[in-house]
């Protein structure tokens, strides 16, 4: 299933729209200009999904790196939070 909300949020920044439900038929284009076609949005789906996956992976790697650094110092995340 295509995540139109993610596509519109990432690729049409600054544009106003409303999505009623999860499918293209529920898209109301509120900005000036032409509403993007279903085909145009579907074409962006894999690209946006890969972008989101890369961001999630990078965040997980950063968290693991931070935990490794804390462990090397003999600290836990809970100890840092308490500070």
Protein backbone atom coordinates (compact mmCIF):
# COMPACT_ATOMS: atom_id res chain seq x y z
CA UNK A 1 0.00 0.00 0.00
CA UNK A 2 1.34 3.41 -0.94
CA UNK A 3 1.96 5.82 1.94
CA UNK A 4 0.62 8.98 0.35
CA UNK A 5 1.00 10.98 3.57
CA UNK A 6 4.75 10.31 3.66
CA UNK A 7 5.16 11.13 -0.02
CA UNK A 8 3.18 14.35 0.18
CA UNK A 9 4.92 15.45 3.38
CA UNK A 10 8.40 14.84 2.00
CA UNK A 11 8.03 15.81 -1.65
CA UNK A 12 5.43 18.57 -1.52
CA UNK A 13 6.68 20.66 1.39
CA UNK A 14 4.87 23.95 1.74
CA UNK A 15 1.83 22.69 -0.17
CA UNK A 16 -1.55 22.39 1.46
CA UNK A 17 -3.54 19.22 1.09
CA UNK A 18 -5.89 16.97 3.02
CA UNK A 19 -6.02 13.19 2.84
CA UNK A 20 -9.23 11.49 3.91
CA UNK A 21 -8.29 7.86 4.43
CA UNK A 22 -5.26 6.11 3.00
CA UNK A 23 -5.90 6.15 -0.73
CA UNK A 24 -5.46 8.67 -3.51
CA UNK A 25 -9.19 9.18 -3.94
CA UNK A 26 -9.26 10.84 -0.53
CA UNK A 27 -6.69 13.50 -1.52
CA UNK A 28 -7.96 17.07 -1.64
CA UNK A 29 -5.45 19.56 -3.05
CA UNK A 30 -5.77 22.90 -1.26
CA UNK A 31 -2.75 24.72 -2.71
CA UNK A 32 -2.58 26.62 -5.95
CA UNK A 33 -1.49 24.58 -8.88
CA UNK A 34 -2.39 21.15 -10.08
CA UNK A 35 -2.92 18.22 -7.77
CA UNK A 36 -0.23 15.58 -8.38
CA UNK A 37 -1.48 12.54 -10.21
CA UNK A 38 -1.74 9.13 -8.61
CA UNK A 39 0.89 7.88 -11.05
CA UNK A 40 3.30 10.68 -10.03
CA UNK A 41 2.86 9.88 -6.34
CA UNK A 42 3.11 6.13 -6.89
CA UNK A 43 6.36 6.67 -8.81
CA UNK A 44 7.84 8.35 -5.69
CA UNK A 45 6.73 5.59 -3.31
CA UNK A 46 9.84 3.37 -3.46
CA UNK A 47 12.18 6.36 -3.25
CA UNK A 48 10.43 7.78 -0.17
CA UNK A 49 10.21 4.35 1.50
CA UNK A 50 13.96 3.84 0.97
CA UNK A 51 14.65 7.30 2.38
CA UNK A 52 12.61 6.54 5.50
CA UNK A 53 14.34 3.18 5.93
CA UNK A 54 17.78 4.80 5.60
CA UNK A 55 16.87 7.39 8.24
CA UNK A 56 15.61 4.68 10.60
CA UNK A 57 18.79 2.65 10.10
CA UNK A 58 20.99 5.70 10.68
CA UNK A 59 19.12 6.55 13.89
CA UNK A 60 19.52 2.99 15.17
CA UNK A 61 23.24 3.04 14.34
CA UNK A 62 23.69 6.38 16.11
CA UNK A 63 21.93 5.07 19.20
CA UNK A 64 24.07 1.93 19.23
CA UNK A 65 27.21 4.05 18.82
CA UNK A 66 26.20 6.25 21.73
CA UNK A 67 25.52 3.22 23.90
CA UNK A 68 28.92 1.76 22.99
CA UNK A 69 30.64 5.02 23.93
CA UNK A 70 28.79 5.18 27.24
CA UNK A 71 29.72 1.57 27.99
CA UNK A 72 33.38 2.36 27.27
CA UNK A 73 33.13 5.08 29.92
CA UNK A 74 31.47 2.67 32.32
CA UNK A 75 28.15 4.53 32.17
CA UNK A 76 24.62 3.52 31.32
CA UNK A 77 21.94 5.55 29.57
CA UNK A 78 19.98 5.60 32.84
CA UNK A 79 22.96 7.10 34.66
CA UNK A 80 23.32 9.80 32.03
CA UNK A 81 19.59 10.54 32.17
CA UNK A 82 19.82 10.89 35.96
CA UNK A 83 22.50 13.54 35.55
